[in-house]
Amino acid sequence: QVRLVESGGGLVSAGDSLRLSCIFSGATFTNYAMGWFRLAPGKEREFVAAVRWDGGDKVFGDSVKGRFAISRDNVKRTLYLQMDSLKPEDTAVYYCAAKLTTQLSASMTYDSWGQGTQVTVSS
């Protein structure tokens, strides 16, 4: 059974950077595409970014393009989200997710989810 554990959230100021991590266990990491989503109070869950099993292809949500980067370390079985130029509107709980597939798209339905890590950006 896949288990995902996020970390790295916190309280930062606008313009700051933060890096989230997600440790994967319970299956073969390289069989999975990985993604990040976020959920802000009063809003629907929003797709942030996703990366193919080999790191060779990535997709991003429009609101984070040019500011966020997604990467994975298949040896450490860890997914990362580097967030730069943070804005107050980036405040949300961030979730990592795993999809058993060799493909990648922004509209995939994911199989497993982590518990989330809170990111708060003050103005």
N, C-alpha and C. Protein backbone atom coordinates (compact mmCIF):
# COMPACT_ATOMS: atom_id res chain seq x y z
N GLN A 1 0.84 -1.18 0.00
CA GLN A 1 0.00 0.00 0.00
C GLN A 1 0.88 1.25 0.00
N VAL A 2 0.60 2.14 -0.91
CA VAL A 2 1.40 3.36 -1.03
C VAL A 2 1.15 4.27 0.16
N ARG A 3 2.23 4.82 0.69
CA ARG A 3 2.14 5.80 1.75
C ARG A 3 2.93 7.02 1.34
N LEU A 4 2.32 8.18 1.54
CA LEU A 4 2.94 9.45 1.17
C LEU A 4 2.97 10.36 2.39
N VAL A 5 4.14 10.92 2.68
CA VAL A 5 4.27 11.79 3.83
C VAL A 5 4.93 13.09 3.40
N GLU A 6 4.16 14.17 3.48
CA GLU A 6 4.66 15.49 3.10
C GLU A 6 5.33 16.17 4.28
N SER A 7 6.24 17.08 3.96
CA SER A 7 6.89 17.91 4.97
C SER A 7 7.40 19.18 4.30
N GLY A 8 7.79 20.15 5.13
CA GLY A 8 8.41 21.35 4.60
C GLY A 8 7.53 22.59 4.61
N GLY A 9 6.26 22.42 4.97
CA GLY A 9 5.39 23.58 5.03
C GLY A 9 5.76 24.51 6.16
N GLY A 10 5.14 25.69 6.15
CA GLY A 10 5.41 26.64 7.21
C GLY A 10 4.83 28.00 6.90
N LEU A 11 5.21 28.96 7.72
CA LEU A 11 4.77 30.35 7.57
C LEU A 11 5.93 31.16 7.01
N VAL A 12 5.68 31.80 5.87
CA VAL A 12 6.70 32.62 5.22
C VAL A 12 6.08 33.94 4.80
N SER A 13 6.94 34.87 4.37
CA SER A 13 6.48 36.16 3.88
C SER A 13 6.39 36.15 2.36
N ALA A 14 5.58 37.03 1.83
CA ALA A 14 5.47 37.15 0.38
C ALA A 14 6.85 37.40 -0.23
N GLY A 15 7.13 36.71 -1.31
CA GLY A 15 8.42 36.80 -1.98
C GLY A 15 9.43 35.77 -1.54
N ASP A 16 9.14 35.10 -0.44
CA ASP A 16 10.04 34.06 0.07
C ASP A 16 9.92 32.77 -0.75
N SER A 17 10.82 31.85 -0.43
CA SER A 17 10.81 30.53 -1.06
C SER A 17 10.60 29.46 0.00
N LEU A 18 10.13 28.31 -0.47
CA LEU A 18 9.91 27.17 0.41
C LEU A 18 10.04 25.91 -0.45
N ARG A 19 10.55 24.85 0.14
CA ARG A 19 10.61 23.58 -0.58
C ARG A 19 9.86 22.51 0.21
N LEU A 20 8.90 21.91 -0.46
CA LEU A 20 8.15 20.81 0.12
C LEU A 20 8.76 19.48 -0.33
N SER A 21 8.64 18.50 0.54
CA SER A 21 9.10 17.15 0.23
C SER A 21 7.96 16.17 0.47
N CYS A 22 8.00 15.07 -0.24
CA CYS A 22 7.03 14.00 -0.07
C CYS A 22 7.76 12.67 -0.18
N ILE A 23 7.78 11.94 0.90
CA ILE A 23 8.46 10.64 0.91
C ILE A 23 7.46 9.55 0.57
N PHE A 24 7.85 8.71 -0.37
CA PHE A 24 7.00 7.63 -0.91
C PHE A 24 7.46 6.29 -0.35
N SER A 25 6.53 5.45 0.04
CA SER A 25 6.86 4.10 0.49
C SER A 25 5.72 3.15 0.18
N GLY A 26 6.02 1.86 0.21
CA GLY A 26 4.99 0.84 0.04
C GLY A 26 4.84 0.27 -1.34
N ALA A 27 5.59 0.77 -2.31
CA ALA A 27 5.51 0.28 -3.69
C ALA A 27 6.77 0.75 -4.42
N THR A 28 6.82 0.45 -5.70
CA THR A 28 7.97 0.85 -6.52
C THR A 28 7.76 2.26 -7.03
N PHE A 29 8.57 3.16 -6.54
CA PHE A 29 8.39 4.59 -6.82
C PHE A 29 8.39 4.89 -8.32
N THR A 30 9.24 4.22 -9.05
CA THR A 30 9.38 4.53 -10.48
C THR A 30 8.22 4.00 -11.32
N ASN A 31 7.26 3.33 -10.71
CA ASN A 31 6.05 2.93 -11.42
C ASN A 31 4.98 4.02 -11.39
N TYR A 32 5.30 5.13 -10.71
CA TYR A 32 4.30 6.13 -10.44
C TYR A 32 4.67 7.51 -10.98
N ALA A 33 3.67 8.14 -11.59
CA ALA A 33 3.73 9.58 -11.78
C ALA A 33 3.35 10.22 -10.45
N MET A 34 3.91 11.39 -10.19
CA MET A 34 3.66 12.06 -8.91
C MET A 34 3.18 13.49 -9.14
N GLY A 35 2.33 13.94 -8.25
CA GLY A 35 1.80 15.27 -8.41
C GLY A 35 1.65 16.01 -7.09
N TRP A 36 1.49 17.32 -7.21
CA TRP A 36 1.18 18.18 -6.07
C TRP A 36 -0.15 18.88 -6.35
N PHE A 37 -0.95 18.97 -5.31
CA PHE A 37 -2.21 19.69 -5.36
C PHE A 37 -2.26 20.59 -4.13
N ARG A 38 -3.20 21.53 -4.14
CA ARG A 38 -3.38 22.36 -2.95
C ARG A 38 -4.86 22.65 -2.75
N LEU A 39 -5.18 22.89 -1.48
CA LEU A 39 -6.55 23.18 -1.11
C LEU A 39 -6.55 24.37 -0.16
N ALA A 40 -7.17 25.43 -0.60
CA ALA A 40 -7.28 26.63 0.22
C ALA A 40 -8.70 26.72 0.78
N PRO A 41 -8.86 27.37 1.92
CA PRO A 41 -10.20 27.49 2.52
C PRO A 41 -11.19 28.13 1.56
N GLY A 42 -12.32 27.49 1.41
CA GLY A 42 -13.37 28.03 0.57
C GLY A 42 -13.16 27.85 -0.91
N LYS A 43 -12.11 27.14 -1.28
CA LYS A 43 -11.83 26.92 -2.71
C LYS A 43 -11.79 25.43 -3.03
N GLU A 44 -11.88 25.14 -4.32
CA GLU A 44 -11.76 23.75 -4.76
C GLU A 44 -10.28 23.36 -4.81
N ARG A 45 -10.07 22.05 -4.74
CA ARG A 45 -8.71 21.55 -4.87
C ARG A 45 -8.12 21.97 -6.21
N GLU A 46 -6.89 22.40 -6.19
CA GLU A 46 -6.23 22.93 -7.39
C GLU A 46 -5.00 22.12 -7.73
N PHE A 47 -4.88 21.77 -8.99
CA PHE A 47 -3.68 21.09 -9.48
C PHE A 47 -2.51 22.07 -9.48
N VAL A 48 -1.38 21.64 -8.96
CA VAL A 48 -0.19 22.49 -8.90
C VAL A 48 0.85 22.04 -9.93
N ALA A 49 1.25 20.78 -9.86
CA ALA A 49 2.30 20.29 -10.77
C ALA A 49 2.34 18.77 -10.72
N ALA A 50 2.91 18.18 -11.76
CA ALA A 50 3.09 16.74 -11.80
C ALA A 50 4.34 16.40 -12.59
N VAL A 51 4.89 15.24 -12.30
CA VAL A 51 6.12 14.81 -12.95
C VAL A 51 6.01 13.33 -13.32
N ARG A 52 6.52 12.99 -14.49
CA ARG A 52 6.51 11.62 -14.96
C ARG A 52 7.45 10.75 -14.13
N TRP A 53 7.30 9.46 -14.25
CA TRP A 53 8.04 8.53 -13.41
C TRP A 53 9.56 8.74 -13.48
N ASP A 54 10.06 9.17 -14.65
CA ASP A 54 11.50 9.32 -14.83
C ASP A 54 11.97 10.76 -14.69
N GLY A 55 11.04 11.66 -14.37
CA GLY A 55 11.41 13.07 -14.25
C GLY A 55 11.57 13.76 -15.58
N GLY A 56 11.31 13.07 -16.67
CA GLY A 56 11.56 13.62 -17.99
C GLY A 56 10.46 14.50 -18.55
N ASP A 57 9.33 14.53 -17.92
CA ASP A 57 8.23 15.38 -18.36
C ASP A 57 7.52 15.95 -17.14
N LYS A 58 7.12 17.22 -17.24
CA LYS A 58 6.48 17.89 -16.11
C LYS A 58 5.36 18.78 -16.63
N VAL A 59 4.35 18.95 -15.82
CA VAL A 59 3.26 19.86 -16.15
C VAL A 59 2.96 20.71 -14.92
N PHE A 60 2.46 21.93 -15.18
CA PHE A 60 2.20 22.87 -14.10
C PHE A 60 0.84 23.52 -14.26
N GLY A 61 0.25 23.88 -13.13
CA GLY A 61 -0.94 24.68 -13.16
C GLY A 61 -0.60 26.10 -13.57
N ASP A 62 -1.55 26.78 -14.17
CA ASP A 62 -1.29 28.12 -14.69
C ASP A 62 -0.87 29.10 -13.60
N SER A 63 -1.41 28.95 -12.42
CA SER A 63 -1.14 29.93 -11.37
C SER A 63 0.27 29.83 -10.78
N VAL A 64 0.98 28.75 -11.08
CA VAL A 64 2.31 28.57 -10.50
C VAL A 64 3.41 28.51 -11.55
N LYS A 65 3.06 28.54 -12.81
CA LYS A 65 4.07 28.47 -13.87
C LYS A 65 5.08 29.59 -13.74
N GLY A 66 6.34 29.22 -13.84
CA GLY A 66 7.42 30.19 -13.74
C GLY A 66 7.86 30.49 -12.31
N ARG A 67 7.11 30.02 -11.31
CA ARG A 67 7.47 30.26 -9.91
C ARG A 67 7.77 28.96 -9.17
N PHE A 68 7.10 27.89 -9.52
CA PHE A 68 7.26 26.61 -8.84
C PHE A 68 7.98 25.63 -9.76
N ALA A 69 8.73 24.73 -9.13
CA ALA A 69 9.39 23.65 -9.86
C ALA A 69 9.14 22.34 -9.15
N ILE A 70 8.91 21.30 -9.93
CA ILE A 70 8.70 19.97 -9.37
C ILE A 70 9.86 19.09 -9.77
N SER A 71 10.28 18.22 -8.87
CA SER A 71 11.36 17.29 -9.19
C SER A 71 11.19 16.04 -8.32
N ARG A 72 11.93 15.01 -8.69
CA ARG A 72 11.88 13.78 -7.92
C ARG A 72 13.25 13.15 -7.87
N ASP A 73 13.52 12.48 -6.78
CA ASP A 73 14.75 11.72 -6.62
C ASP A 73 14.34 10.26 -6.50
N ASN A 74 14.55 9.50 -7.56
CA ASN A 74 14.07 8.12 -7.57
C ASN A 74 14.91 7.19 -6.70
N VAL A 75 16.08 7.61 -6.31
CA VAL A 75 16.88 6.82 -5.37
C VAL A 75 16.35 7.02 -3.96
N LYS A 76 16.07 8.25 -3.61
CA LYS A 76 15.53 8.56 -2.28
C LYS A 76 14.03 8.35 -2.19
N ARG A 77 13.39 8.09 -3.33
CA ARG A 77 11.92 7.93 -3.39
C ARG A 77 11.22 9.14 -2.79
N THR A 78 11.66 10.28 -3.24
CA THR A 78 11.14 11.53 -2.70
C THR A 78 10.75 12.47 -3.83
N LEU A 79 9.63 13.13 -3.64
CA LEU A 79 9.11 14.14 -4.55
C LEU A 79 9.32 15.50 -3.89
N TYR A 80 9.64 16.50 -4.72
CA TYR A 80 9.88 17.85 -4.21
C TYR A 80 9.02 18.87 -4.94
N LEU A 81 8.74 19.96 -4.24
CA LEU A 81 8.12 21.12 -4.87
C LEU A 81 8.87 22.35 -4.37
N GLN A 82 9.62 22.96 -5.26
CA GLN A 82 10.32 24.19 -4.95
C GLN A 82 9.41 25.36 -5.29
N MET A 83 9.11 26.16 -4.30
CA MET A 83 8.18 27.27 -4.48
C MET A 83 8.92 28.58 -4.26
N ASP A 84 9.03 29.37 -5.30
CA ASP A 84 9.70 30.67 -5.25
C ASP A 84 8.69 31.79 -5.46
N SER A 85 9.10 32.99 -5.09
CA SER A 85 8.23 34.17 -5.26
C SER A 85 6.83 33.92 -4.73
N LEU A 86 6.76 33.41 -3.53
CA LEU A 86 5.46 33.05 -2.96
C LEU A 86 4.57 34.26 -2.77
N LYS A 87 3.28 34.03 -2.96
CA LYS A 87 2.27 35.07 -2.83
C LYS A 87 1.26 34.66 -1.75
N PRO A 88 0.57 35.61 -1.16
CA PRO A 88 -0.47 35.24 -0.18
C PRO A 88 -1.49 34.26 -0.74
N GLU A 89 -1.79 34.37 -2.02
CA GLU A 89 -2.77 33.47 -2.63
C GLU A 89 -2.25 32.04 -2.79
N ASP A 90 -0.98 31.82 -2.48
CA ASP A 90 -0.45 30.45 -2.48
C ASP A 90 -0.74 29.74 -1.16
N THR A 91 -1.30 30.46 -0.21
CA THR A 91 -1.64 29.86 1.08
C THR A 91 -2.65 28.74 0.90
N ALA A 92 -2.29 27.55 1.40
CA ALA A 92 -3.14 26.37 1.23
C ALA A 92 -2.50 25.19 1.95
N VAL A 93 -3.25 24.12 2.04
CA VAL A 93 -2.67 22.83 2.40
C VAL A 93 -2.22 22.16 1.11
N TYR A 94 -0.98 21.74 1.07
CA TYR A 94 -0.40 21.12 -0.11
C TYR A 94 -0.33 19.61 0.08
N TYR A 95 -0.81 18.91 -0.94
CA TYR A 95 -0.86 17.45 -0.90
C TYR A 95 -0.03 16.86 -2.03
N CYS A 96 0.68 15.80 -1.74
CA CYS A 96 1.28 15.06 -2.83
C CYS A 96 0.41 13.85 -3.14
N ALA A 97 0.50 13.38 -4.37
CA ALA A 97 -0.34 12.30 -4.84
C ALA A 97 0.45 11.42 -5.80
N ALA A 98 0.06 10.16 -5.87
CA ALA A 98 0.73 9.19 -6.72
C ALA A 98 -0.27 8.52 -7.65
N LYS A 99 0.18 8.30 -8.88
CA LYS A 99 -0.65 7.66 -9.92
C LYS A 99 0.17 6.56 -10.57
N LEU A 100 -0.36 5.34 -10.54
CA LEU A 100 0.32 4.20 -11.13
C LEU A 100 0.20 4.28 -12.64
N THR A 101 1.22 4.85 -13.29
CA THR A 101 1.19 5.04 -14.73
C THR A 101 2.58 5.45 -15.23
N THR A 102 2.83 5.17 -16.51
CA THR A 102 4.05 5.66 -17.14
C THR A 102 3.78 6.95 -17.91
N GLN A 103 2.52 7.35 -17.95
CA GLN A 103 2.13 8.55 -18.69
C GLN A 103 2.10 9.76 -17.76
N LEU A 104 1.76 10.89 -18.35
CA LEU A 104 1.65 12.12 -17.55
C LEU A 104 0.65 13.05 -18.21
N SER A 105 -0.25 13.58 -17.40
CA SER A 105 -1.12 14.65 -17.86
C SER A 105 -1.58 15.44 -16.65
N ALA A 106 -2.05 16.63 -16.89
CA ALA A 106 -2.54 17.47 -15.80
C ALA A 106 -3.89 17.02 -15.29
N SER A 107 -4.56 16.13 -16.01
CA SER A 107 -5.93 15.76 -15.66
C SER A 107 -6.05 14.34 -15.15
N MET A 108 -4.93 13.75 -14.76
CA MET A 108 -4.98 12.38 -14.26
C MET A 108 -5.74 12.28 -12.95
N THR A 109 -6.32 11.13 -12.71
CA THR A 109 -6.93 10.83 -11.41
C THR A 109 -5.92 10.03 -10.61
N TYR A 110 -5.60 10.51 -9.43
CA TYR A 110 -4.53 9.90 -8.65
C TYR A 110 -5.06 8.81 -7.73
N ASP A 111 -4.19 7.84 -7.44
CA ASP A 111 -4.58 6.67 -6.65
C ASP A 111 -4.38 6.85 -5.16
N SER A 112 -3.33 7.59 -4.79
CA SER A 112 -2.96 7.69 -3.39
C SER A 112 -2.64 9.14 -3.05
N TRP A 113 -2.93 9.50 -1.79
CA TRP A 113 -2.76 10.87 -1.34
C TRP A 113 -2.07 10.90 0.01
N GLY A 114 -1.30 11.97 0.23
CA GLY A 114 -0.73 12.20 1.53
C GLY A 114 -1.70 12.98 2.42
N GLN A 115 -1.25 13.28 3.62
CA GLN A 115 -2.08 13.98 4.59
C GLN A 115 -2.01 15.49 4.44
N GLY A 116 -1.03 15.97 3.73
CA GLY A 116 -0.93 17.40 3.48
C GLY A 116 0.00 18.13 4.42
N THR A 117 0.50 19.28 3.95
CA THR A 117 1.33 20.15 4.76
C THR A 117 0.90 21.59 4.51
N GLN A 118 0.76 22.34 5.58
CA GLN A 118 0.22 23.70 5.48
C GLN A 118 1.30 24.68 5.05
N VAL A 119 0.95 25.49 4.07
CA VAL A 119 1.81 26.60 3.66
C VAL A 119 1.02 27.89 3.84
N THR A 120 1.58 28.82 4.59
CA THR A 120 0.94 30.10 4.82
C THR A 120 1.89 31.22 4.41
N VAL A 121 1.41 32.08 3.53
CA VAL A 121 2.22 33.18 3.03
C VAL A 121 1.60 34.49 3.50
N SER A 122 2.33 35.23 4.29
CA SER A 122 1.83 36.50 4.80
C SER A 122 2.22 37.64 3.86
N SER A 123 1.38 38.65 3.82
CA SER A 123 1.63 39.78 2.91
C SER A 123 2.51 40.82 3.56
